[in-house]
């Protein structure tokens, strides 16, 4: 949400006849949701990153995933095919 939209939301909320309890309820819910989002975005450790890379490489070697080069080739072939068809 951009600054203008946030400001309009703030002005709208200020225009409501909210009790102190209503305001605390809104604030508590906003804080809790923000806290949960921040927890969900916690950074990976180097061990976790390396384990993910190892797993991806294993899947590519077993043909379970397609690497970037193959994806680009498939897209280029698809575009060329659609232009000639």
PDB file of N, CA and C in Angstrom:
ATOM      1  N   UNK A   1       0.849  -1.171   0.000  1.00  0.00           N
ATOM      2  CA  UNK A   1       0.000   0.000   0.000  1.00  0.00           C
ATOM      3  C   UNK A   1       0.897   1.237   0.000  1.00  0.00           C
ATOM      4  N   UNK A   2       0.548   2.208  -0.795  1.00  0.00           N
ATOM      5  CA  UNK A   2       1.384   3.410  -0.870  1.00  0.00           C
ATOM      6  C   UNK A   2       1.028   4.400   0.239  1.00  0.00           C
ATOM      7  N   UNK A   3       1.823   5.442   0.350  1.00  0.00           N
ATOM      8  CA  UNK A   3       1.672   6.412   1.433  1.00  0.00           C
ATOM      9  C   UNK A   3       0.322   7.131   1.376  1.00  0.00           C
ATOM     10  N   UNK A   4      -0.153   7.432   0.187  1.00  0.00           N
ATOM     11  CA  UNK A   4      -1.440   8.129   0.054  1.00  0.00           C
ATOM     12  C   UNK A   4      -2.572   7.240   0.554  1.00  0.00           C
ATOM     13  N   UNK A   5      -2.544   5.961   0.170  1.00  0.00           N
ATOM     14  CA  UNK A   5      -3.582   5.032   0.614  1.00  0.00           C
ATOM     15  C   UNK A   5      -3.540   4.840   2.118  1.00  0.00           C
ATOM     16  N   UNK A   6      -2.327   4.736   2.651  1.00  0.00           N
ATOM     17  CA  UNK A   6      -2.207   4.599   4.104  1.00  0.00           C
ATOM     18  C   UNK A   6      -2.745   5.826   4.826  1.00  0.00           C
ATOM     19  N   UNK A   7      -2.428   6.989   4.298  1.00  0.00           N
ATOM     20  CA  UNK A   7      -2.918   8.221   4.907  1.00  0.00           C
ATOM     21  C   UNK A   7      -4.445   8.284   4.840  1.00  0.00           C
ATOM     22  N   UNK A   8      -5.023   7.885   3.704  1.00  0.00           N
ATOM     23  CA  UNK A   8      -6.480   7.882   3.579  1.00  0.00           C
ATOM     24  C   UNK A   8      -7.109   6.901   4.558  1.00  0.00           C
ATOM     25  N   UNK A   9      -6.477   5.751   4.737  1.00  0.00           N
ATOM     26  CA  UNK A   9      -6.973   4.781   5.711  1.00  0.00           C
ATOM     27  C   UNK A   9      -6.931   5.379   7.112  1.00  0.00           C
ATOM     28  N   UNK A  10      -5.827   6.035   7.438  1.00  0.00           N
ATOM     29  CA  UNK A  10      -5.679   6.665   8.753  1.00  0.00           C
ATOM     30  C   UNK A  10      -6.755   7.725   8.970  1.00  0.00           C
ATOM     31  N   UNK A  11      -6.984   8.558   7.951  1.00  0.00           N
ATOM     32  CA  UNK A  11      -8.012   9.591   8.059  1.00  0.00           C
ATOM     33  C   UNK A  11      -9.399   8.974   8.228  1.00  0.00           C
ATOM     34  N   UNK A  12      -9.649   7.890   7.517  1.00  0.00           N
ATOM     35  CA  UNK A  12     -10.930   7.200   7.642  1.00  0.00           C
ATOM     36  C   UNK A  12     -11.127   6.668   9.065  1.00  0.00           C
ATOM     37  N   UNK A  13     -10.083   6.036   9.596  1.00  0.00           N
ATOM     38  CA  UNK A  13     -10.171   5.488  10.950  1.00  0.00           C
ATOM     39  C   UNK A  13     -10.371   6.595  11.980  1.00  0.00           C
ATOM     40  N   UNK A  14      -9.712   7.716  11.768  1.00  0.00           N
ATOM     41  CA  UNK A  14      -9.868   8.841  12.695  1.00  0.00           C
ATOM     42  C   UNK A  14     -11.292   9.391  12.669  1.00  0.00           C
ATOM     43  N   UNK A  15     -11.946   9.296  11.516  1.00  0.00           N
ATOM     44  CA  UNK A  15     -13.297   9.816  11.374  1.00  0.00           C
ATOM     45  C   UNK A  15     -14.353   8.928  12.021  1.00  0.00           C
ATOM     46  N   UNK A  16     -13.984   7.697  12.350  1.00  0.00           N
ATOM     47  CA  UNK A  16     -14.935   6.791  12.991  1.00  0.00           C
ATOM     48  C   UNK A  16     -15.052   7.114  14.469  1.00  0.00           C
ATOM     49  N   UNK A  17     -16.172   6.777  15.039  1.00  0.00           N
ATOM     50  CA  UNK A  17     -16.344   6.964  16.477  1.00  0.00           C
ATOM     51  C   UNK A  17     -15.973   5.661  17.177  1.00  0.00           C
ATOM     52  N   UNK A  18     -14.676   5.444  17.303  1.00  0.00           N
ATOM     53  CA  UNK A  18     -14.168   4.233  17.943  1.00  0.00           C
ATOM     54  C   UNK A  18     -13.883   4.507  19.414  1.00  0.00           C
ATOM     55  N   UNK A  19     -14.227   3.543  20.229  1.00  0.00           N
ATOM     56  CA  UNK A  19     -13.884   3.655  21.645  1.00  0.00           C
ATOM     57  C   UNK A  19     -12.402   3.342  21.816  1.00  0.00           C
ATOM     58  N   UNK A  20     -11.887   3.636  22.978  1.00  0.00           N
ATOM     59  CA  UNK A  20     -10.490   3.304  23.270  1.00  0.00           C
ATOM     60  C   UNK A  20     -10.278   1.795  23.155  1.00  0.00           C
ATOM     61  N   UNK A  21     -11.253   1.013  23.607  1.00  0.00           N
ATOM     62  CA  UNK A  21     -11.148  -0.452  23.482  1.00  0.00           C
ATOM     63  C   UNK A  21     -11.120  -0.892  22.026  1.00  0.00           C
ATOM     64  N   UNK A  22     -11.941  -0.254  21.178  1.00  0.00           N
ATOM     65  CA  UNK A  22     -11.940  -0.569  19.750  1.00  0.00           C
ATOM     66  C   UNK A  22     -10.567  -0.288  19.130  1.00  0.00           C
ATOM     67  N   UNK A  23     -10.001   0.855  19.476  1.00  0.00           N
ATOM     68  CA  UNK A  23      -8.691   1.235  18.940  1.00  0.00           C
ATOM     69  C   UNK A  23      -7.606   0.258  19.393  1.00  0.00           C
ATOM     70  N   UNK A  24      -7.650  -0.128  20.671  1.00  0.00           N
ATOM     71  CA  UNK A  24      -6.673  -1.100  21.175  1.00  0.00           C
ATOM     72  C   UNK A  24      -6.837  -2.442  20.474  1.00  0.00           C
ATOM     73  N   UNK A  25      -8.083  -2.849  20.217  1.00  0.00           N
ATOM     74  CA  UNK A  25      -8.346  -4.115  19.538  1.00  0.00           C
ATOM     75  C   UNK A  25      -7.729  -4.100  18.140  1.00  0.00           C
ATOM     76  N   UNK A  26      -7.963  -3.016  17.390  1.00  0.00           N
ATOM     77  CA  UNK A  26      -7.389  -2.884  16.046  1.00  0.00           C
ATOM     78  C   UNK A  26      -5.859  -2.907  16.124  1.00  0.00           C
ATOM     79  N   UNK A  27      -5.308  -2.122  17.038  1.00  0.00           N
ATOM     80  CA  UNK A  27      -3.847  -2.055  17.177  1.00  0.00           C
ATOM     81  C   UNK A  27      -3.273  -3.416  17.531  1.00  0.00           C
ATOM     82  N   UNK A  28      -3.895  -4.111  18.493  1.00  0.00           N
ATOM     83  CA  UNK A  28      -3.401  -5.439  18.887  1.00  0.00           C
ATOM     84  C   UNK A  28      -3.407  -6.396  17.712  1.00  0.00           C
ATOM     85  N   UNK A  29      -4.470  -6.387  16.926  1.00  0.00           N
ATOM     86  CA  UNK A  29      -4.550  -7.293  15.783  1.00  0.00           C
ATOM     87  C   UNK A  29      -3.528  -6.935  14.697  1.00  0.00           C
ATOM     88  N   UNK A  30      -3.329  -5.654  14.474  1.00  0.00           N
ATOM     89  CA  UNK A  30      -2.318  -5.245  13.499  1.00  0.00           C
ATOM     90  C   UNK A  30      -0.913  -5.635  13.955  1.00  0.00           C
ATOM     91  N   UNK A  31      -0.613  -5.415  15.233  1.00  0.00           N
ATOM     92  CA  UNK A  31       0.697  -5.798  15.768  1.00  0.00           C
ATOM     93  C   UNK A  31       0.913  -7.297  15.670  1.00  0.00           C
ATOM     94  N   UNK A  32      -0.106  -8.081  16.009  1.00  0.00           N
ATOM     95  CA  UNK A  32       0.029  -9.536  15.968  1.00  0.00           C
ATOM     96  C   UNK A  32       0.252 -10.030  14.541  1.00  0.00           C
ATOM     97  N   UNK A  33      -0.488  -9.475  13.601  1.00  0.00           N
ATOM     98  CA  UNK A  33      -0.307  -9.882  12.204  1.00  0.00           C
ATOM     99  C   UNK A  33       1.085  -9.499  11.702  1.00  0.00           C
ATOM    100  N   UNK A  34       1.554  -8.311  12.039  1.00  0.00           N
ATOM    101  CA  UNK A  34       2.898  -7.876  11.636  1.00  0.00           C
ATOM    102  C   UNK A  34       3.959  -8.777  12.246  1.00  0.00           C
ATOM    103  N   UNK A  35       3.773  -9.157  13.515  1.00  0.00           N
ATOM    104  CA  UNK A  35       4.736 -10.041  14.181  1.00  0.00           C
ATOM    105  C   UNK A  35       4.787 -11.392  13.477  1.00  0.00           C
ATOM    106  N   UNK A  36       3.637 -11.933  13.110  1.00  0.00           N
ATOM    107  CA  UNK A  36       3.601 -13.221  12.424  1.00  0.00           C
ATOM    108  C   UNK A  36       4.265 -13.143  11.058  1.00  0.00           C
ATOM    109  N   UNK A  37       4.053 -12.032  10.343  1.00  0.00           N
ATOM    110  CA  UNK A  37       4.694 -11.865   9.037  1.00  0.00           C
ATOM    111  C   UNK A  37       6.208 -11.786   9.183  1.00  0.00           C
ATOM    112  N   UNK A  38       6.685 -11.074  10.197  1.00  0.00           N
ATOM    113  CA  UNK A  38       8.128 -10.963  10.406  1.00  0.00           C
ATOM    114  C   UNK A  38       8.737 -12.310  10.755  1.00  0.00           C
ATOM    115  N   UNK A  39       8.033 -13.106  11.553  1.00  0.00           N
ATOM    116  CA  UNK A  39       8.529 -14.436  11.892  1.00  0.00           C
ATOM    117  C   UNK A  39       8.598 -15.316  10.657  1.00  0.00           C
ATOM    118  N   UNK A  40       7.623 -15.193   9.777  1.00  0.00           N
ATOM    119  CA  UNK A  40       7.590 -16.007   8.569  1.00  0.00           C
ATOM    120  C   UNK A  40       8.732 -15.643   7.623  1.00  0.00           C
ATOM    121  N   UNK A  41       9.266 -14.441   7.747  1.00  0.00           N
ATOM    122  CA  UNK A  41      10.333 -13.980   6.863  1.00  0.00           C
ATOM    123  C   UNK A  41      11.715 -14.080   7.492  1.00  0.00           C
ATOM    124  N   UNK A  42      11.851 -14.933   8.498  1.00  0.00           N
ATOM    125  CA  UNK A  42      13.161 -15.045   9.142  1.00  0.00           C
ATOM    126  C   UNK A  42      14.190 -15.587   8.150  1.00  0.00           C
ATOM    127  N   UNK A  43      15.403 -15.060   8.205  1.00  0.00           N
ATOM    128  CA  UNK A  43      16.428 -15.459   7.229  1.00  0.00           C
ATOM    129  C   UNK A  43      16.898 -16.895   7.459  1.00  0.00           C
ATOM    130  N   UNK A  44      17.353 -17.511   6.368  1.00  0.00           N
ATOM    131  CA  UNK A  44      17.900 -18.857   6.439  1.00  0.00           C
ATOM    132  C   UNK A  44      19.339 -18.808   6.942  1.00  0.00           C
ATOM    133  N   UNK A  45      19.757 -19.849   7.624  1.00  0.00           N
ATOM    134  CA  UNK A  45      21.161 -19.979   7.999  1.00  0.00           C
ATOM    135  C   UNK A  45      21.929 -20.483   6.780  1.00  0.00           C
ATOM    136  N   UNK A  46      23.238 -20.366   6.799  1.00  0.00           N
ATOM    137  CA  UNK A  46      24.047 -20.874   5.684  1.00  0.00           C
ATOM    138  C   UNK A  46      23.866 -22.385   5.531  1.00  0.00           C
ATOM    139  N   UNK A  47      23.696 -23.088   6.646  1.00  0.00           N
ATOM    140  CA  UNK A  47      23.475 -24.533   6.570  1.00  0.00           C
ATOM    141  C   UNK A  47      22.170 -24.838   5.837  1.00  0.00           C
ATOM    142  N   UNK A  48      21.122 -24.060   6.138  1.00  0.00           N
ATOM    143  CA  UNK A  48      19.838 -24.268   5.466  1.00  0.00           C
ATOM    144  C   UNK A  48      19.932 -23.944   3.976  1.00  0.00           C
ATOM    145  N   UNK A  49      20.639 -22.881   3.643  1.00  0.00           N
ATOM    146  CA  UNK A  49      20.817 -22.510   2.235  1.00  0.00           C
ATOM    147  C   UNK A  49      21.578 -23.598   1.501  1.00  0.00           C
ATOM    148  N   UNK A  50      22.675 -24.080   2.097  1.00  0.00           N
ATOM    149  CA  UNK A  50      23.460 -25.134   1.456  1.00  0.00           C
ATOM    150  C   UNK A  50      22.647 -26.417   1.301  1.00  0.00           C
ATOM    151  N   UNK A  51      21.836 -26.748   2.293  1.00  0.00           N
ATOM    152  CA  UNK A  51      21.001 -27.952   2.205  1.00  0.00           C
ATOM    153  C   UNK A  51      19.981 -27.810   1.076  1.00  0.00           C
ATOM    154  N   UNK A  52      19.412 -26.617   0.925  1.00  0.00           N
ATOM    155  CA  UNK A  52      18.456 -26.391  -0.159  1.00  0.00           C
ATOM    156  C   UNK A  52      19.141 -26.508  -1.524  1.00  0.00           C
ATOM    157  N   UNK A  53      20.337 -25.941  -1.636  1.00  0.00           N
ATOM    158  CA  UNK A  53      21.085 -26.045  -2.891  1.00  0.00           C
ATOM    159  C   UNK A  53      21.439 -27.495  -3.206  1.00  0.00           C
ATOM    160  N   UNK A  54      21.894 -28.221  -2.195  1.00  0.00           N
ATOM    161  CA  UNK A  54      22.218 -29.636  -2.394  1.00  0.00           C
ATOM    162  C   UNK A  54      21.003 -30.412  -2.878  1.00  0.00           C
ATOM    163  N   UNK A  55      19.842 -30.157  -2.274  1.00  0.00           N
ATOM    164  CA  UNK A  55      18.612 -30.853  -2.657  1.00  0.00           C
ATOM    165  C   UNK A  55      18.205 -30.499  -4.082  1.00  0.00           C
ATOM    166  N   UNK A  56      18.312 -29.227  -4.443  1.00  0.00           N
ATOM    167  CA  UNK A  56      17.973 -28.799  -5.803  1.00  0.00           C
ATOM    168  C   UNK A  56      18.908 -29.447  -6.822  1.00  0.00           C
ATOM    169  N   UNK A  57      20.194 -29.486  -6.520  1.00  0.00           N
ATOM    170  CA  UNK A  57      21.153 -30.129  -7.424  1.00  0.00           C
ATOM    171  C   UNK A  57      20.857 -31.615  -7.574  1.00  0.00           C
ATOM    172  N   UNK A  58      20.470 -32.266  -6.475  1.00  0.00           N
ATOM    173  CA  UNK A  58      20.116 -33.686  -6.530  1.00  0.00           C
ATOM    174  C   UNK A  58      18.889 -33.892  -7.411  1.00  0.00           C
ATOM    175  N   UNK A  59      17.896 -33.019  -7.270  1.00  0.00           N
ATOM    176  CA  UNK A  59      16.681 -33.141  -8.063  1.00  0.00           C
ATOM    177  C   UNK A  59      16.943 -32.887  -9.545  1.00  0.00           C
ATOM    178  N   UNK A  60      17.819 -31.936  -9.845  1.00  0.00           N
ATOM    179  CA  UNK A  60      18.183 -31.686 -11.239  1.00  0.00           C
ATOM    180  C   UNK A  60      18.876 -32.917 -11.814  1.00  0.00           C
ATOM    181  N   UNK A  61      19.823 -33.485 -11.051  1.00  0.00           N
ATOM    182  CA  UNK A  61      20.556 -34.668 -11.520  1.00  0.00           C
ATOM    183  C   UNK A  61      19.618 -35.842 -11.765  1.00  0.00           C
ATOM    184  N   UNK A  62      18.542 -35.947 -10.995  1.00  0.00           N
ATOM    185  CA  UNK A  62      17.596 -37.053 -11.146  1.00  0.00           C
ATOM    186  C   UNK A  62      16.505 -36.732 -12.164  1.00  0.00           C
ATOM    187  N   UNK A  63      16.562 -35.530 -12.765  1.00  0.00           N
ATOM    188  CA  UNK A  63      15.574 -35.157 -13.766  1.00  0.00           C
ATOM    189  C   UNK A  63      14.250 -34.703 -13.180  1.00  0.00           C
ATOM    190  N   UNK A  64      14.222 -34.412 -11.901  1.00  0.00           N
ATOM    191  CA  UNK A  64      12.986 -33.980 -11.255  1.00  0.00           C
ATOM    192  C   UNK A  64      12.759 -32.476 -11.405  1.00  0.00           C
ATOM    193  N   UNK A  65      13.816 -31.729 -11.669  1.00  0.00           N
ATOM    194  CA  UNK A  65      13.723 -30.282 -11.867  1.00  0.00           C
ATOM    195  C   UNK A  65      14.403 -29.920 -13.174  1.00  0.00           C
ATOM    196  N   UNK A  66      14.039 -28.766 -13.695  1.00  0.00           N
ATOM    197  CA  UNK A  66      14.657 -28.258 -14.912  1.00  0.00           C
ATOM    198  C   UNK A  66      15.500 -27.059 -14.520  1.00  0.00           C
ATOM    199  N   UNK A  67      16.767 -27.032 -14.971  1.00  0.00           N
ATOM    200  CA  UNK A  67      17.608 -25.893 -14.619  1.00  0.00           C
ATOM    201  C   UNK A  67      17.306 -24.706 -15.534  1.00  0.00           C
ATOM    202  N   UNK A  68      17.889 -23.570 -15.209  1.00  0.00           N
ATOM    203  CA  UNK A  68      17.596 -22.322 -15.912  1.00  0.00           C
ATOM    204  C   UNK A  68      17.900 -22.410 -17.403  1.00  0.00           C
ATOM    205  N   UNK A  69      19.023 -23.020 -17.755  1.00  0.00           N
ATOM    206  CA  UNK A  69      19.392 -23.118 -19.167  1.00  0.00           C
ATOM    207  C   UNK A  69      18.342 -23.880 -19.963  1.00  0.00           C
ATOM    208  N   UNK A  70      17.841 -24.981 -19.412  1.00  0.00           N
ATOM    209  CA  UNK A  70      16.822 -25.759 -20.106  1.00  0.00           C
ATOM    210  C   UNK A  70      15.507 -24.999 -20.216  1.00  0.00           C
ATOM    211  N   UNK A  71      15.183 -24.223 -19.192  1.00  0.00           N
ATOM    212  CA  UNK A  71      13.953 -23.420 -19.240  1.00  0.00           C
ATOM    213  C   UNK A  71      14.058 -22.386 -20.352  1.00  0.00           C
ATOM    214  N   UNK A  72      15.205 -21.714 -20.449  1.00  0.00           N
ATOM    215  CA  UNK A  72      15.403 -20.706 -21.497  1.00  0.00           C
ATOM    216  C   UNK A  72      15.311 -21.369 -22.865  1.00  0.00           C
ATOM    217  N   UNK A  73      15.938 -22.544 -23.041  1.00  0.00           N
ATOM    218  CA  UNK A  73      15.857 -23.260 -24.320  1.00  0.00           C
ATOM    219  C   UNK A  73      14.407 -23.579 -24.675  1.00  0.00           C
ATOM    220  N   UNK A  74      13.654 -24.096 -23.700  1.00  0.00           N
ATOM    221  CA  UNK A  74      12.256 -24.442 -23.959  1.00  0.00           C
ATOM    222  C   UNK A  74      11.440 -23.213 -24.343  1.00  0.00           C
ATOM    223  N   UNK A  75      11.683 -22.096 -23.661  1.00  0.00           N
ATOM    224  CA  UNK A  75      10.956 -20.874 -23.999  1.00  0.00           C
ATOM    225  C   UNK A  75      11.307 -20.386 -25.405  1.00  0.00           C
ATOM    226  N   UNK A  76      12.595 -20.422 -25.739  1.00  0.00           N
ATOM    227  CA  UNK A  76      13.014 -19.983 -27.069  1.00  0.00           C
ATOM    228  C   UNK A  76      12.418 -20.883 -28.143  1.00  0.00           C
ATOM    229  N   UNK A  77      12.423 -22.193 -27.909  1.00  0.00           N
ATOM    230  CA  UNK A  77      11.846 -23.129 -28.873  1.00  0.00           C
ATOM    231  C   UNK A  77      10.347 -22.897 -29.008  1.00  0.00           C
ATOM    232  N   UNK A  78       9.692 -22.612 -27.902  1.00  0.00           N
ATOM    233  CA  UNK A  78       8.256 -22.368 -27.921  1.00  0.00           C
ATOM    234  C   UNK A  78       7.935 -21.117 -28.732  1.00  0.00           C
ATOM    235  N   UNK A  79       8.736 -20.067 -28.539  1.00  0.00           N
ATOM    236  CA  UNK A  79       8.518 -18.824 -29.281  1.00  0.00           C
ATOM    237  C   UNK A  79       8.778 -19.055 -30.759  1.00  0.00           C
ATOM    238  N   UNK A  80       9.869 -19.742 -31.097  1.00  0.00           N
ATOM    239  CA  UNK A  80      10.171 -20.027 -32.490  1.00  0.00           C
ATOM    240  C   UNK A  80       9.083 -20.876 -33.123  1.00  0.00           C
ATOM    241  N   UNK A  81       8.588 -21.873 -32.405  1.00  0.00           N
ATOM    242  CA  UNK A  81       7.538 -22.738 -32.928  1.00  0.00           C
ATOM    243  C   UNK A  81       6.264 -21.946 -33.178  1.00  0.00           C
ATOM    244  N   UNK A  82       5.903 -21.072 -32.235  1.00  0.00           N
ATOM    245  CA  UNK A  82       4.666 -20.307 -32.405  1.00  0.00           C
ATOM    246  C   UNK A  82       4.766 -19.298 -33.534  1.00  0.00           C
ATOM    247  N   UNK A  83       5.981 -18.841 -33.847  1.00  0.00           N
ATOM    248  CA  UNK A  83       6.153 -17.895 -34.957  1.00  0.00           C
ATOM    249  C   UNK A  83       6.071 -18.582 -36.292  1.00  0.00           C
ATOM    250  N   UNK A  84       6.456 -19.862 -36.365  1.00  0.00           N
ATOM    251  CA  UNK A  84       6.433 -20.590 -37.638  1.00  0.00           C
ATOM    252  C   UNK A  84       5.111 -21.291 -37.864  1.00  0.00           C
ATOM    253  N   UNK A  85       4.315 -21.426 -36.827  1.00  0.00           N
ATOM    254  CA  UNK A  85       3.047 -22.152 -36.965  1.00  0.00           C
ATOM    255  C   UNK A  85       1.941 -21.284 -37.506  1.00  0.00           C
TER     256      UNK A  85
END
